[in-house]
N, C-alpha and C. Protein backbone atom coordinates (compact mmCIF):
# COMPACT_ATOMS: atom_id res chain seq x y z
N MET A 1 -10.16 -14.00 -15.74
CA MET A 1 -10.21 -12.63 -16.28
C MET A 1 -9.64 -12.63 -17.69
N GLU A 2 -10.39 -12.05 -18.62
CA GLU A 2 -9.99 -12.08 -20.02
C GLU A 2 -8.93 -11.04 -20.36
N ILE A 3 -8.85 -9.99 -19.60
CA ILE A 3 -7.90 -8.91 -19.90
C ILE A 3 -6.47 -9.36 -19.65
N GLU A 4 -5.60 -9.05 -20.59
CA GLU A 4 -4.17 -9.36 -20.45
C GLU A 4 -3.37 -8.21 -21.06
N LEU A 5 -2.85 -7.36 -20.21
CA LEU A 5 -2.17 -6.15 -20.66
C LEU A 5 -0.67 -6.35 -20.76
N THR A 6 -0.05 -5.60 -21.66
CA THR A 6 1.41 -5.60 -21.77
C THR A 6 2.02 -4.78 -20.64
N ALA A 7 3.33 -4.85 -20.51
CA ALA A 7 4.03 -4.06 -19.50
C ALA A 7 3.79 -2.56 -19.71
N ASN A 8 3.81 -2.12 -20.97
CA ASN A 8 3.58 -0.70 -21.26
C ASN A 8 2.16 -0.28 -20.88
N GLU A 9 1.20 -1.11 -21.22
CA GLU A 9 -0.19 -0.80 -20.90
C GLU A 9 -0.42 -0.74 -19.39
N ARG A 10 0.20 -1.65 -18.67
CA ARG A 10 0.05 -1.65 -17.21
C ARG A 10 0.71 -0.43 -16.59
N ARG A 11 1.85 -0.03 -17.13
CA ARG A 11 2.52 1.16 -16.60
C ARG A 11 1.67 2.41 -16.85
N VAL A 12 1.12 2.55 -18.04
CA VAL A 12 0.28 3.71 -18.35
C VAL A 12 -0.95 3.74 -17.45
N LEU A 13 -1.60 2.61 -17.27
CA LEU A 13 -2.78 2.55 -16.42
C LEU A 13 -2.43 2.89 -14.97
N GLY A 14 -1.34 2.32 -14.48
CA GLY A 14 -0.92 2.61 -13.11
C GLY A 14 -0.60 4.07 -12.89
N CYS A 15 0.02 4.70 -13.88
CA CYS A 15 0.37 6.12 -13.75
C CYS A 15 -0.87 7.01 -13.75
N MET A 16 -1.86 6.66 -14.55
CA MET A 16 -3.10 7.44 -14.53
C MET A 16 -3.76 7.38 -13.16
N ILE A 17 -3.79 6.18 -12.58
CA ILE A 17 -4.38 6.04 -11.25
C ILE A 17 -3.60 6.87 -10.24
N GLU A 18 -2.28 6.72 -10.25
CA GLU A 18 -1.43 7.42 -9.29
C GLU A 18 -1.63 8.94 -9.36
N LYS A 19 -1.54 9.49 -10.55
CA LYS A 19 -1.60 10.95 -10.68
C LYS A 19 -3.00 11.50 -10.39
N SER A 20 -4.03 10.69 -10.62
CA SER A 20 -5.38 11.16 -10.31
C SER A 20 -5.56 11.38 -8.81
N ILE A 21 -4.78 10.64 -8.01
CA ILE A 21 -4.90 10.73 -6.55
C ILE A 21 -3.87 11.68 -5.96
N THR A 22 -2.62 11.59 -6.42
CA THR A 22 -1.55 12.38 -5.81
C THR A 22 -1.49 13.81 -6.34
N THR A 23 -1.88 14.02 -7.60
CA THR A 23 -1.91 15.38 -8.17
C THR A 23 -3.23 15.57 -8.93
N PRO A 24 -4.35 15.58 -8.22
CA PRO A 24 -5.66 15.67 -8.89
C PRO A 24 -5.85 16.95 -9.69
N GLU A 25 -5.09 17.98 -9.33
CA GLU A 25 -5.22 19.25 -10.07
C GLU A 25 -4.72 19.13 -11.51
N ASN A 26 -3.90 18.11 -11.79
CA ASN A 26 -3.36 17.91 -13.14
C ASN A 26 -4.04 16.76 -13.88
N TYR A 27 -5.14 16.28 -13.34
CA TYR A 27 -5.83 15.13 -13.92
C TYR A 27 -7.16 15.58 -14.50
N PRO A 28 -7.58 15.08 -15.68
CA PRO A 28 -7.00 14.04 -16.52
C PRO A 28 -5.62 14.43 -17.07
N LEU A 29 -4.90 13.42 -17.56
CA LEU A 29 -3.52 13.62 -17.99
C LEU A 29 -3.40 13.79 -19.50
N SER A 30 -2.53 14.71 -19.89
CA SER A 30 -2.18 14.85 -21.31
C SER A 30 -1.19 13.76 -21.68
N LEU A 31 -0.96 13.59 -22.97
CA LEU A 31 0.01 12.59 -23.43
C LEU A 31 1.39 12.89 -22.86
N ASN A 32 1.81 14.15 -22.90
CA ASN A 32 3.13 14.51 -22.39
C ASN A 32 3.26 14.21 -20.90
N SER A 33 2.22 14.51 -20.14
CA SER A 33 2.24 14.22 -18.70
C SER A 33 2.33 12.72 -18.44
N LEU A 34 1.64 11.94 -19.26
CA LEU A 34 1.67 10.49 -19.10
C LEU A 34 3.06 9.92 -19.41
N VAL A 35 3.68 10.44 -20.45
CA VAL A 35 5.04 9.98 -20.79
C VAL A 35 5.98 10.26 -19.63
N ASN A 36 5.91 11.45 -19.08
CA ASN A 36 6.77 11.81 -17.94
C ASN A 36 6.48 10.93 -16.73
N ALA A 37 5.21 10.65 -16.48
CA ALA A 37 4.84 9.81 -15.34
C ALA A 37 5.34 8.38 -15.52
N CYS A 38 5.24 7.87 -16.72
CA CYS A 38 5.69 6.50 -16.99
C CYS A 38 7.19 6.35 -16.81
N ASN A 39 7.94 7.40 -17.12
CA ASN A 39 9.40 7.31 -17.13
C ASN A 39 10.06 7.86 -15.87
N GLN A 40 9.28 8.34 -14.90
CA GLN A 40 9.91 8.88 -13.70
C GLN A 40 10.65 7.78 -12.94
N LYS A 41 11.68 8.18 -12.21
CA LYS A 41 12.55 7.20 -11.55
C LYS A 41 12.09 6.86 -10.14
N SER A 42 11.33 7.74 -9.51
CA SER A 42 10.84 7.45 -8.16
C SER A 42 9.54 6.66 -8.22
N ASN A 43 9.35 5.76 -7.26
CA ASN A 43 8.13 4.95 -7.16
C ASN A 43 7.87 4.12 -8.42
N ARG A 44 8.92 3.66 -9.07
CA ARG A 44 8.78 2.84 -10.27
C ARG A 44 9.73 1.65 -10.21
N TYR A 45 9.21 0.48 -10.55
CA TYR A 45 10.07 -0.69 -10.72
C TYR A 45 9.42 -1.63 -11.73
N PRO A 46 10.10 -1.89 -12.85
CA PRO A 46 11.38 -1.30 -13.22
C PRO A 46 11.21 0.12 -13.77
N VAL A 47 12.31 0.88 -13.82
CA VAL A 47 12.30 2.18 -14.47
C VAL A 47 12.20 1.94 -15.98
N MET A 48 11.33 2.69 -16.64
CA MET A 48 11.11 2.50 -18.08
C MET A 48 11.48 3.77 -18.84
N ASP A 49 11.56 3.64 -20.16
CA ASP A 49 11.89 4.78 -21.02
C ASP A 49 10.98 4.72 -22.24
N LEU A 50 9.73 5.09 -22.06
CA LEU A 50 8.74 5.02 -23.13
C LEU A 50 8.70 6.33 -23.90
N ASP A 51 8.46 6.23 -25.21
CA ASP A 51 8.28 7.44 -26.00
C ASP A 51 6.79 7.67 -26.25
N GLU A 52 6.47 8.78 -26.91
CA GLU A 52 5.06 9.13 -27.11
C GLU A 52 4.30 8.08 -27.91
N ASP A 53 4.94 7.52 -28.93
CA ASP A 53 4.27 6.51 -29.75
C ASP A 53 3.92 5.28 -28.92
N GLU A 54 4.83 4.87 -28.05
CA GLU A 54 4.56 3.70 -27.21
C GLU A 54 3.43 3.96 -26.22
N VAL A 55 3.40 5.14 -25.66
CA VAL A 55 2.33 5.48 -24.72
C VAL A 55 1.00 5.60 -25.46
N LEU A 56 1.01 6.18 -26.66
CA LEU A 56 -0.22 6.28 -27.46
C LEU A 56 -0.75 4.90 -27.82
N GLU A 57 0.15 4.00 -28.18
CA GLU A 57 -0.25 2.63 -28.51
C GLU A 57 -0.88 1.95 -27.30
N ALA A 58 -0.28 2.17 -26.14
CA ALA A 58 -0.83 1.60 -24.91
C ALA A 58 -2.21 2.19 -24.61
N LEU A 59 -2.35 3.50 -24.79
CA LEU A 59 -3.64 4.15 -24.56
C LEU A 59 -4.72 3.62 -25.49
N ASP A 60 -4.35 3.39 -26.75
CA ASP A 60 -5.32 2.86 -27.71
C ASP A 60 -5.84 1.50 -27.26
N GLU A 61 -4.95 0.64 -26.79
CA GLU A 61 -5.37 -0.68 -26.35
C GLU A 61 -6.19 -0.60 -25.07
N LEU A 62 -5.80 0.27 -24.15
CA LEU A 62 -6.58 0.46 -22.93
C LEU A 62 -7.99 0.97 -23.24
N ARG A 63 -8.09 1.83 -24.24
CA ARG A 63 -9.41 2.32 -24.66
C ARG A 63 -10.21 1.19 -25.29
N ASN A 64 -9.57 0.34 -26.07
CA ASN A 64 -10.25 -0.81 -26.66
C ASN A 64 -10.79 -1.75 -25.60
N GLN A 65 -10.07 -1.83 -24.47
CA GLN A 65 -10.49 -2.70 -23.37
C GLN A 65 -11.45 -1.99 -22.41
N HIS A 66 -11.81 -0.75 -22.74
CA HIS A 66 -12.71 0.06 -21.91
C HIS A 66 -12.13 0.31 -20.51
N LEU A 67 -10.81 0.44 -20.45
CA LEU A 67 -10.13 0.73 -19.18
C LEU A 67 -9.78 2.21 -19.06
N CYS A 68 -9.83 2.93 -20.16
CA CYS A 68 -9.61 4.38 -20.11
C CYS A 68 -10.34 5.02 -21.28
N PHE A 69 -10.46 6.33 -21.25
CA PHE A 69 -11.10 7.04 -22.34
C PHE A 69 -10.50 8.43 -22.48
N ARG A 70 -10.69 8.99 -23.66
CA ARG A 70 -10.18 10.34 -23.96
C ARG A 70 -11.24 11.37 -23.58
N VAL A 71 -10.77 12.49 -23.04
CA VAL A 71 -11.68 13.59 -22.71
C VAL A 71 -11.15 14.87 -23.34
N ASP A 72 -12.05 15.69 -23.81
CA ASP A 72 -11.70 17.00 -24.36
C ASP A 72 -12.08 18.07 -23.35
N VAL A 73 -11.06 18.71 -22.79
CA VAL A 73 -11.27 19.70 -21.74
C VAL A 73 -11.56 21.06 -22.36
N SER A 74 -12.58 21.73 -21.86
CA SER A 74 -12.95 23.06 -22.36
C SER A 74 -11.78 24.03 -22.21
N GLY A 75 -11.48 24.74 -23.29
CA GLY A 75 -10.41 25.72 -23.27
C GLY A 75 -9.04 25.15 -23.57
N SER A 76 -8.97 23.85 -23.83
CA SER A 76 -7.68 23.22 -24.14
C SER A 76 -7.80 22.44 -25.44
N ARG A 77 -6.80 22.59 -26.30
CA ARG A 77 -6.79 21.84 -27.55
C ARG A 77 -6.03 20.53 -27.42
N VAL A 78 -5.49 20.28 -26.23
CA VAL A 78 -4.72 19.05 -25.99
C VAL A 78 -5.64 17.98 -25.42
N PRO A 79 -5.76 16.83 -26.08
CA PRO A 79 -6.60 15.76 -25.53
C PRO A 79 -6.01 15.20 -24.24
N LYS A 80 -6.89 14.77 -23.35
CA LYS A 80 -6.44 14.19 -22.09
C LYS A 80 -7.12 12.84 -21.87
N PHE A 81 -6.61 12.10 -20.88
CA PHE A 81 -7.05 10.72 -20.71
C PHE A 81 -7.36 10.41 -19.25
N LYS A 82 -8.43 9.60 -19.07
CA LYS A 82 -8.87 9.17 -17.74
C LYS A 82 -9.03 7.65 -17.74
N TYR A 83 -8.81 7.05 -16.58
CA TYR A 83 -9.05 5.61 -16.45
C TYR A 83 -10.50 5.36 -16.05
N ASN A 84 -10.92 4.10 -16.14
CA ASN A 84 -12.33 3.77 -15.98
C ASN A 84 -12.57 2.64 -14.97
N LEU A 85 -11.61 2.38 -14.09
CA LEU A 85 -11.72 1.23 -13.19
C LEU A 85 -12.86 1.34 -12.17
N PRO A 86 -13.10 2.50 -11.57
CA PRO A 86 -14.21 2.57 -10.60
C PRO A 86 -15.56 2.21 -11.23
N GLU A 87 -15.78 2.68 -12.46
CA GLU A 87 -17.04 2.39 -13.14
C GLU A 87 -17.09 0.94 -13.64
N LYS A 88 -15.98 0.44 -14.10
CA LYS A 88 -15.95 -0.91 -14.70
C LYS A 88 -16.03 -2.01 -13.65
N TRP A 89 -15.29 -1.83 -12.54
CA TRP A 89 -15.20 -2.90 -11.54
C TRP A 89 -15.57 -2.46 -10.12
N GLU A 90 -16.10 -1.28 -9.97
CA GLU A 90 -16.52 -0.76 -8.67
C GLU A 90 -15.34 -0.63 -7.69
N PHE A 91 -14.19 -0.26 -8.21
CA PHE A 91 -13.03 -0.02 -7.36
C PHE A 91 -13.22 1.29 -6.58
N THR A 92 -12.87 1.26 -5.30
CA THR A 92 -12.85 2.47 -4.49
C THR A 92 -11.39 2.88 -4.24
N GLY A 93 -11.19 3.87 -3.38
CA GLY A 93 -9.84 4.39 -3.15
C GLY A 93 -8.84 3.35 -2.71
N LYS A 94 -9.22 2.46 -1.81
CA LYS A 94 -8.27 1.46 -1.31
C LYS A 94 -7.94 0.42 -2.37
N HIS A 95 -8.90 0.07 -3.20
CA HIS A 95 -8.63 -0.88 -4.28
C HIS A 95 -7.69 -0.25 -5.31
N LEU A 96 -7.95 1.00 -5.63
CA LEU A 96 -7.10 1.71 -6.59
C LEU A 96 -5.67 1.85 -6.08
N ALA A 97 -5.51 2.12 -4.78
CA ALA A 97 -4.17 2.30 -4.22
C ALA A 97 -3.35 1.03 -4.35
N ILE A 98 -3.95 -0.12 -4.05
CA ILE A 98 -3.21 -1.37 -4.13
C ILE A 98 -2.90 -1.74 -5.57
N VAL A 99 -3.90 -1.67 -6.44
CA VAL A 99 -3.68 -2.01 -7.84
C VAL A 99 -2.64 -1.08 -8.46
N CYS A 100 -2.71 0.20 -8.13
CA CYS A 100 -1.73 1.15 -8.65
C CYS A 100 -0.32 0.79 -8.23
N GLU A 101 -0.11 0.53 -6.94
CA GLU A 101 1.22 0.19 -6.45
C GLU A 101 1.77 -1.07 -7.13
N LEU A 102 0.92 -2.06 -7.31
CA LEU A 102 1.38 -3.29 -7.96
C LEU A 102 1.67 -3.07 -9.43
N LEU A 103 0.94 -2.17 -10.07
CA LEU A 103 1.18 -1.88 -11.48
C LEU A 103 2.49 -1.12 -11.69
N VAL A 104 2.80 -0.18 -10.82
CA VAL A 104 3.98 0.67 -11.06
C VAL A 104 5.24 0.16 -10.37
N ARG A 105 5.10 -0.76 -9.38
CA ARG A 105 6.28 -1.23 -8.66
C ARG A 105 6.42 -2.73 -8.59
N GLY A 106 5.47 -3.48 -9.13
CA GLY A 106 5.59 -4.93 -9.12
C GLY A 106 5.17 -5.56 -7.81
N PRO A 107 5.41 -6.88 -7.66
CA PRO A 107 4.96 -7.63 -6.47
C PRO A 107 5.48 -7.04 -5.17
N GLN A 108 4.61 -7.00 -4.15
CA GLN A 108 4.96 -6.44 -2.84
C GLN A 108 4.21 -7.17 -1.74
N THR A 109 4.74 -7.07 -0.52
CA THR A 109 4.08 -7.64 0.65
C THR A 109 2.96 -6.70 1.11
N PRO A 110 2.03 -7.19 1.92
CA PRO A 110 1.00 -6.30 2.46
C PRO A 110 1.60 -5.11 3.23
N GLY A 111 2.68 -5.36 3.97
CA GLY A 111 3.33 -4.27 4.70
C GLY A 111 3.90 -3.21 3.77
N GLU A 112 4.51 -3.65 2.67
CA GLU A 112 5.04 -2.69 1.70
C GLU A 112 3.92 -1.91 1.03
N LEU A 113 2.83 -2.60 0.73
CA LEU A 113 1.69 -1.93 0.11
C LEU A 113 1.09 -0.89 1.05
N ARG A 114 1.09 -1.21 2.35
CA ARG A 114 0.55 -0.25 3.31
C ARG A 114 1.41 1.01 3.37
N SER A 115 2.72 0.83 3.47
CA SER A 115 3.61 1.99 3.62
C SER A 115 3.73 2.79 2.32
N ARG A 116 3.86 2.10 1.20
CA ARG A 116 4.04 2.80 -0.07
C ARG A 116 2.72 3.35 -0.61
N GLY A 117 1.63 2.67 -0.31
CA GLY A 117 0.33 3.12 -0.79
C GLY A 117 -0.30 4.18 0.07
N ASP A 118 0.35 4.52 1.18
CA ASP A 118 -0.20 5.52 2.10
C ASP A 118 -0.31 6.89 1.46
N ARG A 119 0.47 7.14 0.42
CA ARG A 119 0.40 8.43 -0.27
C ARG A 119 -0.91 8.56 -1.06
N MET A 120 -1.60 7.43 -1.28
CA MET A 120 -2.84 7.45 -2.04
C MET A 120 -4.07 7.11 -1.21
N TYR A 121 -3.84 6.41 -0.07
CA TYR A 121 -4.97 6.02 0.77
C TYR A 121 -4.48 5.87 2.21
N SER A 122 -5.23 6.41 3.15
CA SER A 122 -4.84 6.34 4.57
C SER A 122 -5.38 5.04 5.18
N TRP A 123 -4.51 4.05 5.27
CA TRP A 123 -4.92 2.75 5.79
C TRP A 123 -5.15 2.81 7.30
N LEU A 124 -6.19 2.14 7.77
CA LEU A 124 -6.44 2.06 9.20
C LEU A 124 -5.39 1.19 9.87
N ASP A 125 -5.09 0.05 9.24
CA ASP A 125 -4.11 -0.89 9.78
C ASP A 125 -3.79 -1.92 8.70
N LEU A 126 -2.93 -2.87 9.04
CA LEU A 126 -2.54 -3.90 8.08
C LEU A 126 -3.72 -4.80 7.72
N ASP A 127 -4.63 -4.99 8.66
CA ASP A 127 -5.81 -5.82 8.38
C ASP A 127 -6.62 -5.27 7.22
N GLU A 128 -6.70 -3.94 7.13
CA GLU A 128 -7.46 -3.34 6.03
C GLU A 128 -6.78 -3.61 4.69
N VAL A 129 -5.45 -3.59 4.68
CA VAL A 129 -4.72 -3.92 3.46
C VAL A 129 -5.01 -5.36 3.05
N GLU A 130 -4.93 -6.27 4.02
CA GLU A 130 -5.13 -7.68 3.72
C GLU A 130 -6.56 -7.98 3.29
N SER A 131 -7.53 -7.33 3.89
CA SER A 131 -8.92 -7.55 3.48
C SER A 131 -9.17 -6.99 2.08
N THR A 132 -8.48 -5.91 1.73
CA THR A 132 -8.61 -5.35 0.39
C THR A 132 -7.99 -6.28 -0.64
N LEU A 133 -6.86 -6.88 -0.31
CA LEU A 133 -6.24 -7.87 -1.19
C LEU A 133 -7.17 -9.07 -1.38
N GLU A 134 -7.82 -9.50 -0.32
CA GLU A 134 -8.77 -10.61 -0.42
C GLU A 134 -9.93 -10.25 -1.34
N TRP A 135 -10.43 -9.03 -1.21
CA TRP A 135 -11.53 -8.57 -2.07
C TRP A 135 -11.11 -8.60 -3.54
N LEU A 136 -9.92 -8.11 -3.82
CA LEU A 136 -9.41 -8.08 -5.19
C LEU A 136 -9.18 -9.48 -5.75
N SER A 137 -8.77 -10.40 -4.89
CA SER A 137 -8.51 -11.76 -5.35
C SER A 137 -9.79 -12.58 -5.53
N ALA A 138 -10.87 -12.15 -4.87
CA ALA A 138 -12.13 -12.89 -4.93
C ALA A 138 -13.17 -12.22 -5.84
N HIS A 139 -12.82 -11.11 -6.47
CA HIS A 139 -13.76 -10.37 -7.31
C HIS A 139 -14.30 -11.27 -8.42
N GLU A 140 -15.61 -11.20 -8.66
CA GLU A 140 -16.24 -12.08 -9.65
C GLU A 140 -15.74 -11.85 -11.06
N GLU A 141 -15.22 -10.67 -11.35
CA GLU A 141 -14.66 -10.40 -12.68
C GLU A 141 -13.14 -10.50 -12.67
N GLY A 142 -12.56 -10.90 -11.56
CA GLY A 142 -11.12 -11.06 -11.44
C GLY A 142 -10.71 -12.50 -11.59
N PRO A 143 -9.73 -12.95 -10.80
CA PRO A 143 -9.06 -12.18 -9.74
C PRO A 143 -8.13 -11.11 -10.31
N PHE A 144 -7.92 -10.07 -9.52
CA PHE A 144 -7.05 -8.98 -9.94
C PHE A 144 -5.67 -9.05 -9.29
N VAL A 145 -5.56 -9.80 -8.19
CA VAL A 145 -4.27 -9.99 -7.54
C VAL A 145 -4.10 -11.46 -7.18
N GLN A 146 -2.86 -11.85 -6.96
CA GLN A 146 -2.55 -13.23 -6.60
C GLN A 146 -1.42 -13.26 -5.58
N LYS A 147 -1.57 -14.11 -4.59
CA LYS A 147 -0.52 -14.28 -3.58
C LYS A 147 0.56 -15.18 -4.14
N LEU A 148 1.81 -14.76 -4.03
CA LEU A 148 2.94 -15.51 -4.56
C LEU A 148 3.60 -16.31 -3.45
N PRO A 149 4.28 -17.41 -3.79
CA PRO A 149 5.00 -18.18 -2.78
C PRO A 149 6.09 -17.34 -2.12
N VAL A 150 6.37 -17.66 -0.87
CA VAL A 150 7.45 -16.96 -0.16
C VAL A 150 8.78 -17.30 -0.83
N GLN A 151 9.54 -16.29 -1.17
CA GLN A 151 10.83 -16.50 -1.81
C GLN A 151 11.89 -16.92 -0.79
N PRO A 152 12.90 -17.68 -1.22
CA PRO A 152 13.97 -18.09 -0.32
C PRO A 152 14.60 -16.88 0.38
N GLY A 153 14.77 -17.00 1.70
CA GLY A 153 15.37 -15.92 2.46
C GLY A 153 14.39 -14.86 2.91
N LYS A 154 13.13 -15.00 2.54
CA LYS A 154 12.10 -14.03 2.92
C LYS A 154 11.11 -14.66 3.88
N LYS A 155 10.48 -13.83 4.71
CA LYS A 155 9.51 -14.32 5.68
C LYS A 155 8.07 -14.12 5.22
N GLU A 156 7.85 -13.15 4.34
CA GLU A 156 6.49 -12.81 3.93
C GLU A 156 6.27 -13.08 2.44
N ALA A 157 5.04 -13.42 2.12
CA ALA A 157 4.66 -13.61 0.73
C ALA A 157 4.34 -12.26 0.09
N ARG A 158 4.61 -12.16 -1.18
CA ARG A 158 4.26 -10.96 -1.93
C ARG A 158 3.00 -11.22 -2.74
N PHE A 159 2.36 -10.13 -3.13
CA PHE A 159 1.19 -10.19 -4.00
C PHE A 159 1.53 -9.54 -5.33
N ALA A 160 0.97 -10.07 -6.41
CA ALA A 160 1.17 -9.51 -7.74
C ALA A 160 -0.18 -9.21 -8.38
N GLU A 161 -0.23 -8.20 -9.25
CA GLU A 161 -1.46 -7.95 -10.00
C GLU A 161 -1.54 -8.92 -11.17
N LEU A 162 -2.77 -9.18 -11.62
CA LEU A 162 -2.99 -10.15 -12.68
C LEU A 162 -3.53 -9.53 -13.96
N LEU A 163 -3.44 -8.22 -14.09
CA LEU A 163 -3.89 -7.59 -15.33
C LEU A 163 -2.96 -7.94 -16.49
N GLY A 164 -1.78 -8.47 -16.18
CA GLY A 164 -0.86 -8.89 -17.22
C GLY A 164 -0.91 -10.38 -17.50
N GLY A 165 -1.84 -11.09 -16.88
CA GLY A 165 -1.95 -12.53 -17.11
C GLY A 165 -1.67 -13.33 -15.86
N GLU A 166 -2.03 -14.60 -15.90
CA GLU A 166 -1.85 -15.48 -14.76
C GLU A 166 -0.38 -15.80 -14.51
N ILE A 167 -0.08 -16.18 -13.27
CA ILE A 167 1.28 -16.54 -12.87
C ILE A 167 1.27 -17.99 -12.42
N ASN A 168 2.23 -18.77 -12.88
CA ASN A 168 2.37 -20.15 -12.44
C ASN A 168 3.08 -20.15 -11.09
N LEU A 169 2.34 -20.45 -10.03
CA LEU A 169 2.89 -20.35 -8.68
C LEU A 169 4.01 -21.34 -8.43
N GLU A 170 3.88 -22.56 -8.91
CA GLU A 170 4.91 -23.57 -8.68
C GLU A 170 6.22 -23.16 -9.34
N GLU A 171 6.14 -22.68 -10.56
CA GLU A 171 7.35 -22.28 -11.26
C GLU A 171 7.95 -21.02 -10.65
N TYR A 172 7.10 -20.13 -10.16
CA TYR A 172 7.61 -18.93 -9.50
C TYR A 172 8.36 -19.30 -8.24
N ALA A 173 7.81 -20.25 -7.47
CA ALA A 173 8.45 -20.66 -6.21
C ALA A 173 9.80 -21.31 -6.45
N GLU A 174 9.92 -22.04 -7.57
CA GLU A 174 11.16 -22.76 -7.87
C GLU A 174 12.12 -21.93 -8.71
N ALA A 175 11.71 -20.74 -9.10
CA ALA A 175 12.49 -19.96 -10.05
C ALA A 175 13.81 -19.49 -9.48
N SER A 176 14.80 -19.41 -10.37
CA SER A 176 16.09 -18.80 -10.05
C SER A 176 16.12 -17.45 -10.75
N PRO A 177 17.11 -16.61 -10.46
CA PRO A 177 17.20 -15.32 -11.16
C PRO A 177 17.30 -15.46 -12.67
N GLU A 178 17.78 -16.63 -13.14
CA GLU A 178 17.96 -16.83 -14.58
C GLU A 178 16.69 -17.29 -15.27
N THR A 179 15.78 -17.93 -14.49
CA THR A 179 14.59 -18.48 -15.12
C THR A 179 13.32 -18.23 -14.34
N VAL A 180 12.42 -17.52 -14.95
CA VAL A 180 11.09 -17.36 -14.38
C VAL A 180 10.10 -17.51 -15.52
N MET A 181 9.18 -18.45 -15.36
CA MET A 181 8.21 -18.72 -16.40
C MET A 181 6.83 -18.33 -15.93
N ALA A 182 6.01 -17.83 -16.83
CA ALA A 182 4.61 -17.52 -16.52
C ALA A 182 3.71 -18.54 -17.19
N SER A 183 2.62 -18.89 -16.54
CA SER A 183 1.72 -19.90 -17.09
C SER A 183 0.73 -19.27 -18.04
N GLY A 184 0.02 -20.13 -18.78
CA GLY A 184 -1.05 -19.68 -19.65
C GLY A 184 -0.53 -18.81 -20.77
N PRO A 185 -1.38 -17.91 -21.29
CA PRO A 185 -1.04 -17.11 -22.46
C PRO A 185 -0.36 -15.80 -22.12
N SER A 186 0.30 -15.68 -20.96
CA SER A 186 0.92 -14.41 -20.56
C SER A 186 1.96 -13.97 -21.57
N ARG A 187 2.09 -12.67 -21.72
CA ARG A 187 3.01 -12.13 -22.71
C ARG A 187 4.44 -12.08 -22.19
N ASN A 188 5.37 -11.89 -23.13
CA ASN A 188 6.78 -11.87 -22.77
C ASN A 188 7.11 -10.78 -21.76
N GLU A 189 6.39 -9.67 -21.82
CA GLU A 189 6.67 -8.60 -20.88
C GLU A 189 6.43 -9.04 -19.45
N ARG A 190 5.42 -9.90 -19.24
CA ARG A 190 5.12 -10.38 -17.89
C ARG A 190 6.28 -11.23 -17.37
N VAL A 191 6.85 -12.06 -18.24
CA VAL A 191 8.00 -12.87 -17.86
C VAL A 191 9.17 -11.98 -17.50
N ASP A 192 9.39 -10.93 -18.29
CA ASP A 192 10.50 -10.01 -18.01
C ASP A 192 10.35 -9.37 -16.64
N GLN A 193 9.14 -8.98 -16.29
CA GLN A 193 8.91 -8.33 -15.00
C GLN A 193 9.21 -9.29 -13.86
N LEU A 194 8.78 -10.54 -14.00
CA LEU A 194 9.01 -11.52 -12.94
C LEU A 194 10.50 -11.86 -12.82
N GLU A 195 11.19 -11.93 -13.95
CA GLU A 195 12.63 -12.17 -13.91
C GLU A 195 13.33 -11.05 -13.15
N ALA A 196 12.93 -9.82 -13.42
CA ALA A 196 13.54 -8.68 -12.74
C ALA A 196 13.26 -8.72 -11.25
N GLU A 197 12.04 -9.12 -10.88
CA GLU A 197 11.68 -9.18 -9.46
C GLU A 197 12.49 -10.25 -8.74
N VAL A 198 12.63 -11.43 -9.36
CA VAL A 198 13.40 -12.50 -8.73
C VAL A 198 14.87 -12.11 -8.61
N ALA A 199 15.40 -11.43 -9.62
CA ALA A 199 16.79 -10.98 -9.56
C ALA A 199 16.98 -10.00 -8.40
N ARG A 200 16.01 -9.11 -8.21
CA ARG A 200 16.11 -8.14 -7.12
C ARG A 200 16.06 -8.85 -5.77
N LEU A 201 15.17 -9.83 -5.63
CA LEU A 201 15.06 -10.56 -4.37
C LEU A 201 16.34 -11.34 -4.08
N SER A 202 16.92 -11.94 -5.13
CA SER A 202 18.16 -12.68 -4.96
C SER A 202 19.29 -11.78 -4.49
N ALA A 203 19.34 -10.57 -5.05
CA ALA A 203 20.37 -9.62 -4.65
C ALA A 203 20.21 -9.21 -3.19
N GLU A 204 18.96 -9.08 -2.74
CA GLU A 204 18.71 -8.73 -1.34
C GLU A 204 19.19 -9.84 -0.41
N VAL A 205 18.94 -11.09 -0.81
CA VAL A 205 19.35 -12.23 0.01
C VAL A 205 20.87 -12.31 0.10
N GLU A 206 21.53 -12.14 -1.06
CA GLU A 206 22.99 -12.24 -1.08
C GLU A 206 23.64 -11.09 -0.33
N GLY A 207 22.95 -9.91 -0.33
CA GLY A 207 23.52 -8.74 0.35
C GLY A 207 23.35 -8.83 1.84
């Protein structure tokens, strides 16, 4: 997959998906609504503090990648923004729910995705979550998700989205909270996210 988004771009994209499903009456989103969504403290990991310029910059790049577009709503002078994933990659509700959760909260197990993503899609069972992950990982224009090695002290593997670049599985498996490296041309923001995730997992094990 040629697309490689920054942490800010992934957060903006994830928030557009989330709000289109959970609060459709407020979608498409204005710039102010997007800033608030990106910086909210619930359902976010890590919590971010983006300003309007940073969100606008992320929107510009997402538009360049044909992942979102601007819409002018009748009766409103405020421009609004919509994502384009269903048209670009034929994503349906279940695909959007998983990609959204991974974008706004980072790597998660299928069980976590089922429980946390239930606010956006009513899963039949865990098998449906796993089959959706398989579809996303096997997509001809992807893969969009990747299964990560089981971390020390954990029983289940987590999945990560790949819109921010590929992940070196061997280095992730061997990583300590102090060092997590990403393979290929991934940006520094991707490394930061993985470092934060490993630190969180380490804290859970020690606790």
